[in-house]
Amino acid sequence: MSSLGQLVAGVAHEINNPVNFIYGNIDPARNYIQNLLELLELYQHHCPLPGSEIEDKAEDIDLEFVKQDLPKLLESMRVGSDRIREIVRSLRYFSRTDEAEMKDVDIHEGIDSSLLILQNRLKANGDYPGIQVIQEYADLPKVECYPGQLNQVLMNILSNAIDAMQEGCQVQGVKCGNTPTIWIRTKVLDNRITIQIVDNGPGMKDAVRQRLFDPFFTTKPVGKGTGLGLSISYQIIVEKHGGQLHCFSQPGEGTEFAIEIPLRQSKS
């Protein structure tokens, strides 16, 4: 998971500079084009009878359509590049490889960045209806934690929830009559915060639930899981943050992961 964080940070860094270059040039390009369109209108006003060659070229390129569509095209480019910059920010926030020390962070930003990275897996695909995410956030103060490691825990649990619901739909297609849903809830309890990640997937038997945090235990097919994700997540929450990580599940009743960590870490 540490290697994944480093890879994500490297990709985000490589994308960031060219995207900023494109984004920074869109407004000047829009101004230049607007000036040229205004100049063209002046030519059309003062020279209403151009030669046949100009008229043929204007008809060939559908000049009137170009004049209307070009500003829309630039706006779509601006929206697209802005979206890429948002994704890059989320990737960099998710990795946090430059922050090996404890830091006060906004937990909700970490959740949101993980969801943005996983967005493609949440969308509908063929017969699969996609996954609805319901965020029920409390008014949390900033939390002292290792942000990169905590983000990796969130990513792992969310990925597992998505896997479980996708597999549940494939095995029990009838269950997908109800929209697959993930609820993410946060709240403050005394001097601790809790993050609940709940899904309405197929759930699991108690014998499986009791082994979830064991190293190398996995219910996924060979090649699709190492069995280390939840074990490492448990170590990050319990050993690194002095918190607790619980799983509650019943077959056919979905699954809940509950993360609980202190607002402030002990200095002793």
C-alpha atoms as a PDB file:
ATOM      1  CA  MET A   1       0.000   0.000   0.000  1.00  0.00           C
ATOM      2  CA  SER A   2       2.963   2.287   0.609  1.00  0.00           C
ATOM      3  CA  SER A   3       4.201   1.507  -2.907  1.00  0.00           C
ATOM      4  CA  LEU A   4       0.731   2.307  -4.257  1.00  0.00           C
ATOM      5  CA  GLY A   5       0.858   5.678  -2.526  1.00  0.00           C
ATOM      6  CA  GLN A   6       4.258   6.444  -4.061  1.00  0.00           C
ATOM      7  CA  LEU A   7       3.032   5.394  -7.514  1.00  0.00           C
ATOM      8  CA  VAL A   8      -0.069   7.574  -7.211  1.00  0.00           C
ATOM      9  CA  ALA A   9       1.998  10.562  -6.092  1.00  0.00           C
ATOM     10  CA  GLY A  10       4.372  10.117  -9.028  1.00  0.00           C
ATOM     11  CA  VAL A  11       1.545   9.885 -11.568  1.00  0.00           C
ATOM     12  CA  ALA A  12      -0.179  12.932 -10.084  1.00  0.00           C
ATOM     13  CA  HIS A  13       3.044  14.937 -10.252  1.00  0.00           C
ATOM     14  CA  GLU A  14       3.669  14.010 -13.898  1.00  0.00           C
ATOM     15  CA  ILE A  15       0.109  14.939 -14.891  1.00  0.00           C
ATOM     16  CA  ASN A  16      -0.035  18.156 -12.888  1.00  0.00           C
ATOM     17  CA  ASN A  17       2.375  20.330 -14.902  1.00  0.00           C
ATOM     18  CA  PRO A  18       0.975  19.724 -18.420  1.00  0.00           C
ATOM     19  CA  VAL A  19      -2.596  20.030 -17.161  1.00  0.00           C
ATOM     20  CA  ASN A  20      -1.824  23.353 -15.482  1.00  0.00           C
ATOM     21  CA  PHE A  21      -0.213  24.530 -18.740  1.00  0.00           C
ATOM     22  CA  ILE A  22      -3.364  23.650 -20.703  1.00  0.00           C
ATOM     23  CA  TYR A  23      -5.689  25.135 -18.096  1.00  0.00           C
ATOM     24  CA  GLY A  24      -3.662  28.345 -17.864  1.00  0.00           C
ATOM     25  CA  ASN A  25      -3.858  28.922 -21.611  1.00  0.00           C
ATOM     26  CA  ILE A  26      -7.586  28.373 -22.078  1.00  0.00           C
ATOM     27  CA  ASP A  27      -8.677  31.867 -20.948  1.00  0.00           C
ATOM     28  CA  PRO A  28      -6.118  33.704 -23.164  1.00  0.00           C
ATOM     29  CA  ALA A  29      -7.128  31.466 -26.104  1.00  0.00           C
ATOM     30  CA  ARG A  30     -10.790  32.275 -25.478  1.00  0.00           C
ATOM     31  CA  ASN A  31     -10.023  36.016 -25.463  1.00  0.00           C
ATOM     32  CA  TYR A  32      -8.009  35.783 -28.697  1.00  0.00           C
ATOM     33  CA  ILE A  33     -10.760  33.825 -30.405  1.00  0.00           C
ATOM     34  CA  GLN A  34     -13.446  36.215 -29.196  1.00  0.00           C
ATOM     35  CA  ASN A  35     -11.441  39.135 -30.622  1.00  0.00           C
ATOM     36  CA  LEU A  36     -11.065  37.358 -33.953  1.00  0.00           C
ATOM     37  CA  LEU A  37     -14.798  36.600 -34.104  1.00  0.00           C
ATOM     38  CA  GLU A  38     -15.607  40.244 -33.400  1.00  0.00           C
ATOM     39  CA  LEU A  39     -13.169  41.300 -36.132  1.00  0.00           C
ATOM     40  CA  LEU A  40     -14.826  38.845 -38.525  1.00  0.00           C
ATOM     41  CA  GLU A  41     -18.225  40.361 -37.773  1.00  0.00           C
ATOM     42  CA  LEU A  42     -16.850  43.816 -38.566  1.00  0.00           C
ATOM     43  CA  TYR A  43     -15.582  42.527 -41.910  1.00  0.00           C
ATOM     44  CA  GLN A  44     -18.994  41.011 -42.637  1.00  0.00           C
ATOM     45  CA  HIS A  45     -20.712  44.278 -41.712  1.00  0.00           C
ATOM     46  CA  HIS A  46     -18.466  46.521 -43.793  1.00  0.00           C
ATOM     47  CA  CYS A  47     -17.939  44.077 -46.664  1.00  0.00           C
ATOM     48  CA  PRO A  48     -21.386  42.510 -47.168  1.00  0.00           C
ATOM     49  CA  LEU A  49     -20.542  41.297 -50.703  1.00  0.00           C
ATOM     50  CA  PRO A  50     -17.354  39.200 -50.515  1.00  0.00           C
ATOM     51  CA  GLY A  51     -16.022  37.388 -53.522  1.00  0.00           C
ATOM     52  CA  SER A  52     -17.307  33.970 -54.561  1.00  0.00           C
ATOM     53  CA  GLU A  53     -14.153  32.262 -53.276  1.00  0.00           C
ATOM     54  CA  ILE A  54     -14.768  33.605 -49.742  1.00  0.00           C
ATOM     55  CA  GLU A  55     -18.453  32.677 -49.894  1.00  0.00           C
ATOM     56  CA  ASP A  56     -17.607  29.135 -51.019  1.00  0.00           C
ATOM     57  CA  LYS A  57     -15.067  28.725 -48.225  1.00  0.00           C
ATOM     58  CA  ALA A  58     -17.512  30.087 -45.595  1.00  0.00           C
ATOM     59  CA  GLU A  59     -20.143  27.606 -46.784  1.00  0.00           C
ATOM     60  CA  ASP A  60     -17.623  24.774 -46.909  1.00  0.00           C
ATOM     61  CA  ILE A  61     -16.567  25.241 -43.269  1.00  0.00           C
ATOM     62  CA  ASP A  62     -20.115  26.160 -42.125  1.00  0.00           C
ATOM     63  CA  LEU A  63     -18.925  29.491 -40.742  1.00  0.00           C
ATOM     64  CA  GLU A  64     -22.109  30.329 -38.844  1.00  0.00           C
ATOM     65  CA  PHE A  65     -22.000  27.031 -36.976  1.00  0.00           C
ATOM     66  CA  VAL A  66     -18.283  27.479 -36.169  1.00  0.00           C
ATOM     67  CA  LYS A  67     -18.949  30.950 -34.724  1.00  0.00           C
ATOM     68  CA  GLN A  68     -21.603  29.520 -32.410  1.00  0.00           C
ATOM     69  CA  ASP A  69     -19.812  26.296 -31.502  1.00  0.00           C
ATOM     70  CA  LEU A  70     -16.244  27.506 -30.944  1.00  0.00           C
ATOM     71  CA  PRO A  71     -16.943  29.266 -27.594  1.00  0.00           C
ATOM     72  CA  LYS A  72     -18.831  26.139 -26.422  1.00  0.00           C
ATOM     73  CA  LEU A  73     -15.889  23.988 -27.460  1.00  0.00           C
ATOM     74  CA  LEU A  74     -13.467  26.092 -25.410  1.00  0.00           C
ATOM     75  CA  GLU A  75     -15.794  25.981 -22.410  1.00  0.00           C
ATOM     76  CA  SER A  76     -15.961  22.180 -22.597  1.00  0.00           C
ATOM     77  CA  MET A  77     -12.140  22.103 -22.702  1.00  0.00           C
ATOM     78  CA  ARG A  78     -12.020  24.328 -19.627  1.00  0.00           C
ATOM     79  CA  VAL A  79     -14.486  22.082 -17.758  1.00  0.00           C
ATOM     80  CA  GLY A  80     -12.526  18.969 -18.766  1.00  0.00           C
ATOM     81  CA  SER A  81      -9.157  20.357 -17.705  1.00  0.00           C
ATOM     82  CA  ASP A  82     -10.665  21.595 -14.441  1.00  0.00           C
ATOM     83  CA  ARG A  83     -11.942  18.079 -13.831  1.00  0.00           C
ATOM     84  CA  ILE A  84      -8.474  16.628 -14.448  1.00  0.00           C
ATOM     85  CA  ARG A  85      -6.970  19.134 -11.991  1.00  0.00           C
ATOM     86  CA  GLU A  86      -9.554  18.074  -9.411  1.00  0.00           C
ATOM     87  CA  ILE A  87      -8.629  14.411  -9.905  1.00  0.00           C
ATOM     88  CA  VAL A  88      -4.906  15.225  -9.612  1.00  0.00           C
ATOM     89  CA  ARG A  89      -5.541  17.108  -6.356  1.00  0.00           C
ATOM     90  CA  SER A  90      -7.413  14.082  -5.038  1.00  0.00           C
ATOM     91  CA  LEU A  91      -4.619  11.726  -6.082  1.00  0.00           C
ATOM     92  CA  ARG A  92      -2.045  13.873  -4.316  1.00  0.00           C
ATOM     93  CA  TYR A  93      -4.234  14.151  -1.224  1.00  0.00           C
ATOM     94  CA  PHE A  94      -4.783  10.390  -1.241  1.00  0.00           C
ATOM     95  CA  SER A  95      -1.082   9.524  -1.426  1.00  0.00           C
ATOM     96  CA  ARG A  96       0.277  12.118   1.065  1.00  0.00           C
ATOM     97  CA  THR A  97       3.713  10.493   0.636  1.00  0.00           C
ATOM     98  CA  ASP A  98       5.417  13.673   1.817  1.00  0.00           C
ATOM     99  CA  GLU A  99       3.771  13.474   5.230  1.00  0.00           C
ATOM    100  CA  ALA A 100       5.398  10.791   7.336  1.00  0.00           C
ATOM    101  CA  GLU A 101       4.552  12.630  10.557  1.00  0.00           C
ATOM    102  CA  MET A 102       1.257  13.136  12.319  1.00  0.00           C
ATOM    103  CA  LYS A 103      -0.748  16.041  10.966  1.00  0.00           C
ATOM    104  CA  ASP A 104      -4.116  17.699  11.627  1.00  0.00           C
ATOM    105  CA  VAL A 105      -6.314  16.894   8.629  1.00  0.00           C
ATOM    106  CA  ASP A 106      -9.880  17.077   7.384  1.00  0.00           C
ATOM    107  CA  ILE A 107     -11.089  13.459   7.400  1.00  0.00           C
ATOM    108  CA  HIS A 108     -13.838  14.241   4.909  1.00  0.00           C
ATOM    109  CA  GLU A 109     -11.295  15.356   2.309  1.00  0.00           C
ATOM    110  CA  GLY A 110      -9.638  11.946   2.547  1.00  0.00           C
ATOM    111  CA  ILE A 111     -12.977  10.152   2.094  1.00  0.00           C
ATOM    112  CA  ASP A 112     -13.924  12.365  -0.849  1.00  0.00           C
ATOM    113  CA  SER A 113     -10.569  11.840  -2.572  1.00  0.00           C
ATOM    114  CA  SER A 114     -10.910   8.061  -2.237  1.00  0.00           C
ATOM    115  CA  LEU A 115     -14.422   8.178  -3.708  1.00  0.00           C
ATOM    116  CA  LEU A 116     -13.233  10.299  -6.613  1.00  0.00           C
ATOM    117  CA  ILE A 117     -10.464   7.820  -7.419  1.00  0.00           C
ATOM    118  CA  LEU A 118     -12.993   4.954  -7.264  1.00  0.00           C
ATOM    119  CA  GLN A 119     -15.671   6.834  -9.212  1.00  0.00           C
ATOM    120  CA  ASN A 120     -15.315   4.737 -12.345  1.00  0.00           C
ATOM    121  CA  ARG A 121     -16.040   1.558 -10.365  1.00  0.00           C
ATOM    122  CA  LEU A 122     -19.193   3.119  -8.920  1.00  0.00           C
ATOM    123  CA  LYS A 123     -20.770   3.775 -12.320  1.00  0.00           C
ATOM    124  CA  ALA A 124     -23.361   1.563 -14.026  1.00  0.00           C
ATOM    125  CA  ASN A 125     -21.932  -0.914 -16.522  1.00  0.00           C
ATOM    126  CA  GLY A 126     -24.056  -3.172 -18.736  1.00  0.00           C
ATOM    127  CA  ASP A 127     -26.545  -5.056 -16.564  1.00  0.00           C
ATOM    128  CA  TYR A 128     -24.834  -3.750 -13.425  1.00  0.00           C
ATOM    129  CA  PRO A 129     -26.778  -0.735 -12.072  1.00  0.00           C
ATOM    130  CA  GLY A 130     -23.843   1.007 -10.412  1.00  0.00           C
ATOM    131  CA  ILE A 131     -23.427   1.902  -6.754  1.00  0.00           C
ATOM    132  CA  GLN A 132     -25.080   4.808  -4.982  1.00  0.00           C
ATOM    133  CA  VAL A 133     -22.991   6.535  -2.297  1.00  0.00           C
ATOM    134  CA  ILE A 134     -24.743   8.379   0.527  1.00  0.00           C
ATOM    135  CA  GLN A 135     -22.479  10.610   2.627  1.00  0.00           C
ATOM    136  CA  GLU A 136     -23.775  11.528   6.063  1.00  0.00           C
ATOM    137  CA  TYR A 137     -21.043  13.730   7.471  1.00  0.00           C
ATOM    138  CA  ALA A 138     -21.027  15.224  10.937  1.00  0.00           C
ATOM    139  CA  ASP A 139     -19.284  18.511  11.720  1.00  0.00           C
ATOM    140  CA  LEU A 140     -15.848  17.075  12.514  1.00  0.00           C
ATOM    141  CA  PRO A 141     -12.848  18.974  13.853  1.00  0.00           C
ATOM    142  CA  LYS A 142      -9.486  18.295  12.267  1.00  0.00           C
ATOM    143  CA  VAL A 143      -8.008  14.994  13.388  1.00  0.00           C
ATOM    144  CA  GLU A 144      -4.373  14.299  14.234  1.00  0.00           C
ATOM    145  CA  CYS A 145      -3.327  11.267  12.197  1.00  0.00           C
ATOM    146  CA  TYR A 146      -1.058   9.845   9.518  1.00  0.00           C
ATOM    147  CA  PRO A 147      -3.143  11.060   6.554  1.00  0.00           C
ATOM    148  CA  GLY A 148      -1.599   8.910   3.824  1.00  0.00           C
ATOM    149  CA  GLN A 149      -2.010   5.712   5.829  1.00  0.00           C
ATOM    150  CA  LEU A 150      -5.565   6.564   6.877  1.00  0.00           C
ATOM    151  CA  ASN A 151      -6.501   7.275   3.255  1.00  0.00           C
ATOM    152  CA  GLN A 152      -5.147   3.849   2.292  1.00  0.00           C
ATOM    153  CA  VAL A 153      -7.409   2.233   4.903  1.00  0.00           C
ATOM    154  CA  LEU A 154     -10.436   4.079   3.503  1.00  0.00           C
ATOM    155  CA  MET A 155      -9.516   3.068  -0.041  1.00  0.00           C
ATOM    156  CA  ASN A 156      -9.131  -0.577   0.943  1.00  0.00           C
ATOM    157  CA  ILE A 157     -12.459  -0.809   2.776  1.00  0.00           C
ATOM    158  CA  LEU A 158     -14.353   1.028   0.024  1.00  0.00           C
ATOM    159  CA  SER A 159     -12.767  -1.171  -2.653  1.00  0.00           C
ATOM    160  CA  ASN A 160     -13.785  -4.296  -0.748  1.00  0.00           C
ATOM    161  CA  ALA A 161     -17.355  -3.016  -0.431  1.00  0.00           C
ATOM    162  CA  ILE A 162     -17.508  -2.404  -4.182  1.00  0.00           C
ATOM    163  CA  ASP A 163     -16.066  -5.864  -4.903  1.00  0.00           C
ATOM    164  CA  ALA A 164     -18.598  -7.538  -2.614  1.00  0.00           C
ATOM    165  CA  MET A 165     -21.582  -5.814  -4.207  1.00  0.00           C
ATOM    166  CA  GLN A 166     -20.386  -6.459  -7.747  1.00  0.00           C
ATOM    167  CA  GLU A 167     -19.835 -10.137  -6.973  1.00  0.00           C
ATOM    168  CA  GLY A 168     -23.199 -10.294  -5.185  1.00  0.00           C
ATOM    169  CA  CYS A 169     -24.954  -8.974  -8.271  1.00  0.00           C
ATOM    170  CA  GLN A 170     -23.211 -11.510 -10.491  1.00  0.00           C
ATOM    171  CA  VAL A 171     -24.080 -14.438  -8.224  1.00  0.00           C
ATOM    172  CA  GLN A 172     -27.516 -13.269  -7.090  1.00  0.00           C
ATOM    173  CA  GLY A 173     -28.771 -11.082  -9.900  1.00  0.00           C
ATOM    174  CA  VAL A 174     -32.110 -10.631  -8.196  1.00  0.00           C
ATOM    175  CA  LYS A 175     -30.476  -8.652  -5.370  1.00  0.00           C
ATOM    176  CA  CYS A 176     -29.585  -5.908  -7.841  1.00  0.00           C
ATOM    177  CA  GLY A 177     -33.253  -5.039  -8.099  1.00  0.00           C
ATOM    178  CA  ASN A 178     -32.381  -2.827  -5.120  1.00  0.00           C
ATOM    179  CA  THR A 179     -29.767  -0.212  -5.942  1.00  0.00           C
ATOM    180  CA  PRO A 180     -26.398  -1.257  -4.460  1.00  0.00           C
ATOM    181  CA  THR A 181     -25.613   1.427  -1.901  1.00  0.00           C
ATOM    182  CA  ILE A 182     -22.741   2.474   0.339  1.00  0.00           C
ATOM    183  CA  TRP A 183     -23.438   4.728   3.306  1.00  0.00           C
ATOM    184  CA  ILE A 184     -20.514   6.671   4.790  1.00  0.00           C
ATOM    185  CA  ARG A 185     -21.216   8.221   8.182  1.00  0.00           C
ATOM    186  CA  THR A 186     -18.935  10.233  10.443  1.00  0.00           C
ATOM    187  CA  LYS A 187     -19.467  11.455  13.976  1.00  0.00           C
ATOM    188  CA  VAL A 188     -17.660  12.574  17.113  1.00  0.00           C
ATOM    189  CA  LEU A 189     -17.863  10.506  20.295  1.00  0.00           C
ATOM    190  CA  ASP A 190     -16.213  12.291  23.240  1.00  0.00           C
ATOM    191  CA  ASN A 191     -12.550  12.626  22.209  1.00  0.00           C
ATOM    192  CA  ARG A 192     -12.757  10.166  19.310  1.00  0.00           C
ATOM    193  CA  ILE A 193     -14.192  10.160  15.811  1.00  0.00           C
ATOM    194  CA  THR A 194     -15.882   7.257  14.064  1.00  0.00           C
ATOM    195  CA  ILE A 195     -16.195   6.491  10.368  1.00  0.00           C
ATOM    196  CA  GLN A 196     -18.843   3.940   9.418  1.00  0.00           C
ATOM    197  CA  ILE A 197     -18.784   2.404   5.933  1.00  0.00           C
ATOM    198  CA  VAL A 198     -21.949   0.369   5.407  1.00  0.00           C
ATOM    199  CA  ASP A 199     -23.097  -1.515   2.305  1.00  0.00           C
ATOM    200  CA  ASN A 200     -26.213  -3.465   1.369  1.00  0.00           C
ATOM    201  CA  GLY A 201     -24.225  -6.226  -0.311  1.00  0.00           C
ATOM    202  CA  PRO A 202     -24.505  -9.989   0.301  1.00  0.00           C
ATOM    203  CA  GLY A 203     -22.840  -9.879   3.718  1.00  0.00           C
ATOM    204  CA  MET A 204     -20.743 -12.728   5.080  1.00  0.00           C
ATOM    205  CA  LYS A 205     -20.850 -15.671   7.449  1.00  0.00           C
ATOM    206  CA  ASP A 206     -19.517 -15.259  10.968  1.00  0.00           C
ATOM    207  CA  ALA A 207     -16.688 -17.715  10.301  1.00  0.00           C
ATOM    208  CA  VAL A 208     -15.448 -15.459   7.479  1.00  0.00           C
ATOM    209  CA  ARG A 209     -15.929 -12.236   9.439  1.00  0.00           C
ATOM    210  CA  GLN A 210     -13.826 -13.507  12.347  1.00  0.00           C
ATOM    211  CA  ARG A 211     -10.837 -14.084  10.032  1.00  0.00           C
ATOM    212  CA  LEU A 212     -11.037 -10.861   8.003  1.00  0.00           C
ATOM    213  CA  PHE A 213      -8.051  -9.219   9.671  1.00  0.00           C
ATOM    214  CA  ASP A 214      -5.825 -12.320   9.547  1.00  0.00           C
ATOM    215  CA  PRO A 215      -2.791 -11.923   7.250  1.00  0.00           C
ATOM    216  CA  PHE A 216      -3.210 -13.627   3.863  1.00  0.00           C
ATOM    217  CA  PHE A 217      -6.868 -14.517   4.460  1.00  0.00           C
ATOM    218  CA  THR A 218      -9.025 -13.724   1.448  1.00  0.00           C
ATOM    219  CA  THR A 219     -12.330 -14.864  -0.023  1.00  0.00           C
ATOM    220  CA  LYS A 220     -11.396 -13.588  -3.494  1.00  0.00           C
ATOM    221  CA  PRO A 221     -10.373 -15.875  -6.367  1.00  0.00           C
ATOM    222  CA  VAL A 222      -6.667 -16.589  -6.908  1.00  0.00           C
ATOM    223  CA  GLY A 223      -4.978 -13.572  -8.466  1.00  0.00           C
ATOM    224  CA  LYS A 224      -7.597 -11.086  -7.288  1.00  0.00           C
ATOM    225  CA  GLY A 225      -6.574 -10.557  -3.680  1.00  0.00           C
ATOM    226  CA  THR A 226      -3.468 -10.882  -1.503  1.00  0.00           C
ATOM    227  CA  GLY A 227      -5.249 -11.171   1.833  1.00  0.00           C
ATOM    228  CA  LEU A 228      -3.096  -8.357   3.221  1.00  0.00           C
ATOM    229  CA  GLY A 229      -5.273  -5.260   2.717  1.00  0.00           C
ATOM    230  CA  LEU A 230      -7.491  -5.586   5.782  1.00  0.00           C
ATOM    231  CA  SER A 231      -4.650  -6.962   7.914  1.00  0.00           C
ATOM    232  CA  ILE A 232      -2.524  -3.887   7.143  1.00  0.00           C
ATOM    233  CA  SER A 233      -5.560  -1.639   7.631  1.00  0.00           C
ATOM    234  CA  TYR A 234      -6.066  -3.129  11.082  1.00  0.00           C
ATOM    235  CA  GLN A 235      -2.435  -2.450  11.996  1.00  0.00           C
ATOM    236  CA  ILE A 236      -2.677   1.151  10.762  1.00  0.00           C
ATOM    237  CA  ILE A 237      -5.794   1.883  12.814  1.00  0.00           C
ATOM    238  CA  VAL A 238      -4.975  -0.072  15.983  1.00  0.00           C
ATOM    239  CA  GLU A 239      -1.187   0.127  16.240  1.00  0.00           C
ATOM    240  CA  LYS A 240      -0.411   3.403  14.447  1.00  0.00           C
ATOM    241  CA  HIS A 241      -3.399   5.427  15.651  1.00  0.00           C
ATOM    242  CA  GLY A 242      -4.424   3.727  18.896  1.00  0.00           C
ATOM    243  CA  GLY A 243      -7.900   3.185  17.484  1.00  0.00           C
ATOM    244  CA  GLN A 244     -10.272   0.339  16.733  1.00  0.00           C
ATOM    245  CA  LEU A 245     -11.467  -1.320  13.528  1.00  0.00           C
ATOM    246  CA  HIS A 246     -14.572  -3.509  13.678  1.00  0.00           C
ATOM    247  CA  CYS A 247     -16.628  -5.414  11.134  1.00  0.00           C
ATOM    248  CA  PHE A 248     -20.304  -6.313  11.554  1.00  0.00           C
ATOM    249  CA  SER A 249     -22.031  -8.518   9.001  1.00  0.00           C
ATOM    250  CA  GLN A 250     -24.672 -11.181   8.461  1.00  0.00           C
ATOM    251  CA  PRO A 251     -25.418 -13.152   5.277  1.00  0.00           C
ATOM    252  CA  GLY A 252     -27.940 -11.214   3.213  1.00  0.00           C
ATOM    253  CA  GLU A 253     -27.772  -8.192   5.543  1.00  0.00           C
ATOM    254  CA  GLY A 254     -24.814  -6.257   4.157  1.00  0.00           C
ATOM    255  CA  THR A 255     -21.602  -5.307   5.939  1.00  0.00           C
ATOM    256  CA  GLU A 256     -20.436  -2.461   8.165  1.00  0.00           C
ATOM    257  CA  PHE A 257     -16.865  -1.442   8.900  1.00  0.00           C
ATOM    258  CA  ALA A 258     -16.440   0.926  11.839  1.00  0.00           C
ATOM    259  CA  ILE A 259     -13.214   2.909  12.202  1.00  0.00           C
ATOM    260  CA  GLU A 260     -12.597   4.692  15.483  1.00  0.00           C
ATOM    261  CA  ILE A 261      -9.526   6.835  16.204  1.00  0.00           C
ATOM    262  CA  PRO A 262      -8.660   9.490  18.796  1.00  0.00           C
ATOM    263  CA  LEU A 263      -8.954  13.140  17.858  1.00  0.00           C
ATOM    264  CA  ARG A 264      -5.491  13.736  19.311  1.00  0.00           C
ATOM    265  CA  GLN A 265      -2.656  11.254  19.642  1.00  0.00           C
ATOM    266  CA  SER A 266      -0.939  10.656  22.964  1.00  0.00           C
ATOM    267  CA  LYS A 267       2.506  12.283  23.209  1.00  0.00           C
ATOM    268  CA  SER A 268       3.799   9.697  25.638  1.00  0.00           C
END
